[in-house]
Structures are given as structure tokens and as C-alpha cells.
Amino acid sequence: GVVGLVSMVRAALANRRTMREGALAEA
């Protein structure tokens, strides 16, 4: 349960960081 919780929080924070700091591309 702890591992699952930590991985979900990390993924959410990574998505948020990508939106704030990520480069824009036209794929």
C-alpha cells in the first residue's frame, strides 16, 4: 500500500512538473 501510494503521488507530481517546465512539441 505504501509503495502504491508513493508511486501514484510521484506520477502526479511528475505530470505537474512536466506541464510547468516542459518543452512544447508538435507530435
PDB file of all heavy atoms in Angstrom:
ATOM      1  N   GLY A   1       0.811  -1.218   0.000  1.00  0.00           N
ATOM      2  CA  GLY A   1       0.000   0.000   0.000  1.00  0.00           C
ATOM      3  C   GLY A   1       0.839   1.260   0.000  1.00  0.00           C
ATOM      4  O   GLY A   1       0.564   2.208  -0.732  1.00  0.00           O
ATOM      5  N   VAL A   2       1.893   1.271   0.794  1.00  0.00           N
ATOM      6  CA  VAL A   2       2.776   2.446   0.859  1.00  0.00           C
ATOM      7  C   VAL A   2       3.494   2.641  -0.476  1.00  0.00           C
ATOM      8  O   VAL A   2       3.572   3.759  -0.986  1.00  0.00           O
ATOM      9  CB  VAL A   2       3.785   2.306   2.022  1.00  0.00           C
ATOM     10  CG1 VAL A   2       4.876   3.356   1.933  1.00  0.00           C
ATOM     11  CG2 VAL A   2       3.060   2.410   3.355  1.00  0.00           C
ATOM     12  N   VAL A   3       3.994   1.570  -1.054  1.00  0.00           N
ATOM     13  CA  VAL A   3       4.681   1.669  -2.346  1.00  0.00           C
ATOM     14  C   VAL A   3       3.715   2.192  -3.418  1.00  0.00           C
ATOM     15  O   VAL A   3       4.066   3.056  -4.228  1.00  0.00           O
ATOM     16  CB  VAL A   3       5.286   0.311  -2.752  1.00  0.00           C
ATOM     17  CG1 VAL A   3       5.743   0.310  -4.205  1.00  0.00           C
ATOM     18  CG2 VAL A   3       6.451  -0.029  -1.840  1.00  0.00           C
ATOM     19  N   GLY A   4       2.489   1.693  -3.436  1.00  0.00           N
ATOM     20  CA  GLY A   4       1.493   2.165  -4.394  1.00  0.00           C
ATOM     21  C   GLY A   4       1.165   3.636  -4.218  1.00  0.00           C
ATOM     22  O   GLY A   4       1.090   4.394  -5.187  1.00  0.00           O
ATOM     23  N   LEU A   5       1.002   4.054  -2.986  1.00  0.00           N
ATOM     24  CA  LEU A   5       0.704   5.454  -2.683  1.00  0.00           C
ATOM     25  C   LEU A   5       1.847   6.352  -3.137  1.00  0.00           C
ATOM     26  O   LEU A   5       1.632   7.362  -3.809  1.00  0.00           O
ATOM     27  CB  LEU A   5       0.444   5.622  -1.183  1.00  0.00           C
ATOM     28  CG  LEU A   5       0.195   7.039  -0.690  1.00  0.00           C
ATOM     29  CD1 LEU A   5      -1.086   7.587  -1.287  1.00  0.00           C
ATOM     30  CD2 LEU A   5       0.122   7.067   0.819  1.00  0.00           C
ATOM     31  N   VAL A   6       3.069   5.974  -2.814  1.00  0.00           N
ATOM     32  CA  VAL A   6       4.231   6.780  -3.196  1.00  0.00           C
ATOM     33  C   VAL A   6       4.356   6.871  -4.715  1.00  0.00           C
ATOM     34  O   VAL A   6       4.604   7.947  -5.266  1.00  0.00           O
ATOM     35  CB  VAL A   6       5.524   6.204  -2.561  1.00  0.00           C
ATOM     36  CG1 VAL A   6       6.767   6.821  -3.166  1.00  0.00           C
ATOM     37  CG2 VAL A   6       5.499   6.414  -1.059  1.00  0.00           C
ATOM     38  N   SER A   7       4.139   5.765  -5.426  1.00  0.00           N
ATOM     39  CA  SER A   7       4.279   5.795  -6.882  1.00  0.00           C
ATOM     40  C   SER A   7       3.203   6.657  -7.533  1.00  0.00           C
ATOM     41  O   SER A   7       3.481   7.373  -8.502  1.00  0.00           O
ATOM     42  CB  SER A   7       4.283   4.387  -7.464  1.00  0.00           C
ATOM     43  OG  SER A   7       3.023   3.783  -7.335  1.00  0.00           O
ATOM     44  N   MET A   8       1.978   6.635  -6.999  1.00  0.00           N
ATOM     45  CA  MET A   8       0.916   7.470  -7.568  1.00  0.00           C
ATOM     46  C   MET A   8       1.187   8.952  -7.324  1.00  0.00           C
ATOM     47  O   MET A   8       0.973   9.781  -8.206  1.00  0.00           O
ATOM     48  CB  MET A   8      -0.450   7.058  -7.012  1.00  0.00           C
ATOM     49  CG  MET A   8      -0.894   5.721  -7.555  1.00  0.00           C
ATOM     50  SD  MET A   8      -2.610   5.236  -7.240  1.00  0.00           S
ATOM     51  CE  MET A   8      -2.871   5.586  -5.557  1.00  0.00           C
ATOM     52  N   VAL A   9       1.669   9.295  -6.147  1.00  0.00           N
ATOM     53  CA  VAL A   9       1.992  10.690  -5.848  1.00  0.00           C
ATOM     54  C   VAL A   9       3.145  11.159  -6.739  1.00  0.00           C
ATOM     55  O   VAL A   9       3.108  12.261  -7.290  1.00  0.00           O
ATOM     56  CB  VAL A   9       2.312  10.874  -4.351  1.00  0.00           C
ATOM     57  CG1 VAL A   9       2.907  12.239  -4.073  1.00  0.00           C
ATOM     58  CG2 VAL A   9       1.047  10.669  -3.522  1.00  0.00           C
ATOM     59  N   ARG A  10       4.168  10.323  -6.897  1.00  0.00           N
ATOM     60  CA  ARG A  10       5.304  10.693  -7.751  1.00  0.00           C
ATOM     61  C   ARG A  10       4.864  10.928  -9.193  1.00  0.00           C
ATOM     62  O   ARG A  10       5.315  11.866  -9.845  1.00  0.00           O
ATOM     63  CB  ARG A  10       6.373   9.608  -7.703  1.00  0.00           C
ATOM     64  CG  ARG A  10       7.138   9.593  -6.398  1.00  0.00           C
ATOM     65  CD  ARG A  10       8.210   8.548  -6.379  1.00  0.00           C
ATOM     66  NE  ARG A  10       9.265   8.969  -7.300  1.00  0.00           N
ATOM     67  CZ  ARG A  10      10.276   8.214  -7.666  1.00  0.00           C
ATOM     68  NH1 ARG A  10      10.376   6.990  -7.213  1.00  0.00           N
ATOM     69  NH2 ARG A  10      11.190   8.671  -8.480  1.00  0.00           N
ATOM     70  N   ALA A  11       3.980  10.073  -9.717  1.00  0.00           N
ATOM     71  CA  ALA A  11       3.497  10.239 -11.091  1.00  0.00           C
ATOM     72  C   ALA A  11       2.710  11.540 -11.238  1.00  0.00           C
ATOM     73  O   ALA A  11       2.880  12.266 -12.222  1.00  0.00           O
ATOM     74  CB  ALA A  11       2.636   9.046 -11.495  1.00  0.00           C
ATOM     75  N   ALA A  12       1.867  11.848 -10.255  1.00  0.00           N
ATOM     76  CA  ALA A  12       1.087  13.085 -10.308  1.00  0.00           C
ATOM     77  C   ALA A  12       1.995  14.307 -10.269  1.00  0.00           C
ATOM     78  O   ALA A  12       1.800  15.274 -11.015  1.00  0.00           O
ATOM     79  CB  ALA A  12       0.085  13.123  -9.155  1.00  0.00           C
ATOM     80  N   LEU A  13       3.002  14.280  -9.415  1.00  0.00           N
ATOM     81  CA  LEU A  13       3.935  15.401  -9.329  1.00  0.00           C
ATOM     82  C   LEU A  13       4.778  15.531 -10.593  1.00  0.00           C
ATOM     83  O   LEU A  13       5.076  16.639 -11.040  1.00  0.00           O
ATOM     84  CB  LEU A  13       4.815  15.263  -8.092  1.00  0.00           C
ATOM     85  CG  LEU A  13       4.075  15.410  -6.751  1.00  0.00           C
ATOM     86  CD1 LEU A  13       5.013  15.105  -5.583  1.00  0.00           C
ATOM     87  CD2 LEU A  13       3.457  16.784  -6.610  1.00  0.00           C
ATOM     88  N   ALA A  14       5.155  14.405 -11.204  1.00  0.00           N
ATOM     89  CA  ALA A  14       5.912  14.443 -12.456  1.00  0.00           C
ATOM     90  C   ALA A  14       5.074  15.051 -13.575  1.00  0.00           C
ATOM     91  O   ALA A  14       5.578  15.859 -14.368  1.00  0.00           O
ATOM     92  CB  ALA A  14       6.375  13.039 -12.836  1.00  0.00           C
ATOM     93  N   ASN A  15       3.793  14.701 -13.649  1.00  0.00           N
ATOM     94  CA  ASN A  15       2.901  15.294 -14.646  1.00  0.00           C
ATOM     95  C   ASN A  15       2.795  16.799 -14.456  1.00  0.00           C
ATOM     96  O   ASN A  15       2.849  17.572 -15.416  1.00  0.00           O
ATOM     97  CB  ASN A  15       1.506  14.678 -14.568  1.00  0.00           C
ATOM     98  CG  ASN A  15       1.445  13.301 -15.167  1.00  0.00           C
ATOM     99  OD1 ASN A  15       2.324  12.893 -15.907  1.00  0.00           O
ATOM    100  ND2 ASN A  15       0.407  12.565 -14.831  1.00  0.00           N
ATOM    101  N   ARG A  16       2.659  17.203 -13.226  1.00  0.00           N
ATOM    102  CA  ARG A  16       2.536  18.630 -12.922  1.00  0.00           C
ATOM    103  C   ARG A  16       3.813  19.382 -13.293  1.00  0.00           C
ATOM    104  O   ARG A  16       3.762  20.464 -13.862  1.00  0.00           O
ATOM    105  CB  ARG A  16       2.224  18.781 -11.438  1.00  0.00           C
ATOM    106  CG  ARG A  16       1.620  20.082 -11.112  1.00  0.00           C
ATOM    107  CD  ARG A  16       1.006  20.019  -9.755  1.00  0.00           C
ATOM    108  NE  ARG A  16       0.532  21.345  -9.444  1.00  0.00           N
ATOM    109  CZ  ARG A  16       0.182  21.746  -8.277  1.00  0.00           C
ATOM    110  NH1 ARG A  16       0.210  20.906  -7.272  1.00  0.00           N
ATOM    111  NH2 ARG A  16      -0.227  22.962  -8.080  1.00  0.00           N
ATOM    112  N   ARG A  17       4.961  18.807 -12.961  1.00  0.00           N
ATOM    113  CA  ARG A  17       6.240  19.438 -13.314  1.00  0.00           C
ATOM    114  C   ARG A  17       6.399  19.530 -14.827  1.00  0.00           C
ATOM    115  O   ARG A  17       6.868  20.535 -15.362  1.00  0.00           O
ATOM    116  CB  ARG A  17       7.396  18.645 -12.709  1.00  0.00           C
ATOM    117  CG  ARG A  17       8.737  19.236 -13.057  1.00  0.00           C
ATOM    118  CD  ARG A  17       9.892  18.522 -12.354  1.00  0.00           C
ATOM    119  NE  ARG A  17      11.115  19.003 -12.929  1.00  0.00           N
ATOM    120  CZ  ARG A  17      12.010  18.240 -13.542  1.00  0.00           C
ATOM    121  NH1 ARG A  17      11.837  16.935 -13.603  1.00  0.00           N
ATOM    122  NH2 ARG A  17      13.090  18.765 -14.067  1.00  0.00           N
ATOM    123  N   THR A  18       6.010  18.481 -15.539  1.00  0.00           N
ATOM    124  CA  THR A  18       6.112  18.489 -16.997  1.00  0.00           C
ATOM    125  C   THR A  18       5.253  19.597 -17.585  1.00  0.00           C
ATOM    126  O   THR A  18       5.675  20.286 -18.520  1.00  0.00           O
ATOM    127  CB  THR A  18       5.702  17.118 -17.576  1.00  0.00           C
ATOM    128  OG1 THR A  18       6.532  16.111 -17.005  1.00  0.00           O
ATOM    129  CG2 THR A  18       5.845  17.081 -19.077  1.00  0.00           C
ATOM    130  N   MET A  19       4.078  19.823 -17.037  1.00  0.00           N
ATOM    131  CA  MET A  19       3.210  20.897 -17.542  1.00  0.00           C
ATOM    132  C   MET A  19       3.809  22.273 -17.271  1.00  0.00           C
ATOM    133  O   MET A  19       3.707  23.175 -18.085  1.00  0.00           O
ATOM    134  CB  MET A  19       1.811  20.806 -16.920  1.00  0.00           C
ATOM    135  CG  MET A  19       0.957  19.730 -17.522  1.00  0.00           C
ATOM    136  SD  MET A  19       0.777  19.863 -19.309  1.00  0.00           S
ATOM    137  CE  MET A  19      -0.019  21.443 -19.470  1.00  0.00           C
ATOM    138  N   ARG A  20       4.450  22.439 -16.100  1.00  0.00           N
ATOM    139  CA  ARG A  20       5.013  23.744 -15.738  1.00  0.00           C
ATOM    140  C   ARG A  20       6.322  24.035 -16.473  1.00  0.00           C
ATOM    141  O   ARG A  20       6.539  25.138 -16.951  1.00  0.00           O
ATOM    142  CB  ARG A  20       5.288  23.799 -14.232  1.00  0.00           C
ATOM    143  CG  ARG A  20       4.116  24.149 -13.389  1.00  0.00           C
ATOM    144  CD  ARG A  20       4.533  24.541 -11.964  1.00  0.00           C
ATOM    145  NE  ARG A  20       5.734  23.890 -11.481  1.00  0.00           N
ATOM    146  CZ  ARG A  20       5.766  22.797 -10.715  1.00  0.00           C
ATOM    147  NH1 ARG A  20       4.655  22.228 -10.349  1.00  0.00           N
ATOM    148  NH2 ARG A  20       6.903  22.282 -10.313  1.00  0.00           N
ATOM    149  N   GLU A  21       7.208  23.042 -16.551  1.00  0.00           N
ATOM    150  CA  GLU A  21       8.568  23.272 -17.024  1.00  0.00           C
ATOM    151  C   GLU A  21       8.875  22.634 -18.374  1.00  0.00           C
ATOM    152  O   GLU A  21       9.938  22.884 -18.939  1.00  0.00           O
ATOM    153  CB  GLU A  21       9.571  22.718 -15.999  1.00  0.00           C
ATOM    154  CG  GLU A  21       9.420  23.292 -14.615  1.00  0.00           C
ATOM    155  CD  GLU A  21      10.266  22.555 -13.588  1.00  0.00           C
ATOM    156  OE1 GLU A  21      11.204  21.826 -13.980  1.00  0.00           O
ATOM    157  OE2 GLU A  21       9.983  22.708 -12.391  1.00  0.00           O
ATOM    158  N   GLY A  22       7.971  21.802 -18.871  1.00  0.00           N
ATOM    159  CA  GLY A  22       8.264  21.020 -20.069  1.00  0.00           C
ATOM    160  C   GLY A  22       8.298  21.829 -21.347  1.00  0.00           C
ATOM    161  O   GLY A  22       7.657  22.867 -21.481  1.00  0.00           O
ATOM    162  N   ALA A  23       9.091  21.321 -22.279  1.00  0.00           N
ATOM    163  CA  ALA A  23       9.179  21.926 -23.605  1.00  0.00           C
ATOM    164  C   ALA A  23       7.946  21.520 -24.413  1.00  0.00           C
ATOM    165  O   ALA A  23       7.403  20.430 -24.254  1.00  0.00           O
ATOM    166  CB  ALA A  23      10.451  21.445 -24.304  1.00  0.00           C
ATOM    167  N   LEU A  24       7.517  22.414 -25.274  1.00  0.00           N
ATOM    168  CA  LEU A  24       6.353  22.154 -26.125  1.00  0.00           C
ATOM    169  C   LEU A  24       6.815  21.509 -27.426  1.00  0.00           C
ATOM    170  O   LEU A  24       7.835  21.911 -27.995  1.00  0.00           O
ATOM    171  CB  LEU A  24       5.628  23.469 -26.409  1.00  0.00           C
ATOM    172  CG  LEU A  24       4.309  23.388 -27.145  1.00  0.00           C
ATOM    173  CD1 LEU A  24       3.298  22.569 -26.342  1.00  0.00           C
ATOM    174  CD2 LEU A  24       3.765  24.782 -27.385  1.00  0.00           C
ATOM    175  N   ALA A  25       6.095  20.496 -27.873  1.00  0.00           N
ATOM    176  CA  ALA A  25       6.408  19.837 -29.142  1.00  0.00           C
ATOM    177  C   ALA A  25       5.109  19.535 -29.874  1.00  0.00           C
ATOM    178  O   ALA A  25       4.064  19.335 -29.255  1.00  0.00           O
ATOM    179  CB  ALA A  25       7.174  18.545 -28.899  1.00  0.00           C
ATOM    180  N   GLU A  26       5.206  19.528 -31.192  1.00  0.00           N
ATOM    181  CA  GLU A  26       4.076  19.115 -32.022  1.00  0.00           C
ATOM    182  C   GLU A  26       4.372  17.702 -32.502  1.00  0.00           C
ATOM    183  O   GLU A  26       5.149  17.500 -33.436  1.00  0.00           O
ATOM    184  CB  GLU A  26       3.882  20.071 -33.190  1.00  0.00           C
ATOM    185  CG  GLU A  26       3.354  21.422 -32.753  1.00  0.00           C
ATOM    186  CD  GLU A  26       2.994  22.293 -33.940  1.00  0.00           C
ATOM    187  OE1 GLU A  26       3.384  21.985 -35.080  1.00  0.00           O
ATOM    188  OE2 GLU A  26       2.300  23.290 -33.707  1.00  0.00           O
ATOM    189  N   ALA A  27       3.773  16.746 -31.835  1.00  0.00           N
ATOM    190  CA  ALA A  27       3.984  15.342 -32.189  1.00  0.00           C
ATOM    191  C   ALA A  27       2.972  14.930 -33.257  1.00  0.00           C
ATOM    192  O   ALA A  27       1.855  15.457 -33.305  1.00  0.00           O
ATOM    193  CB  ALA A  27       3.832  14.471 -30.954  1.00  0.00           C
TER     194      ALA A  27
END
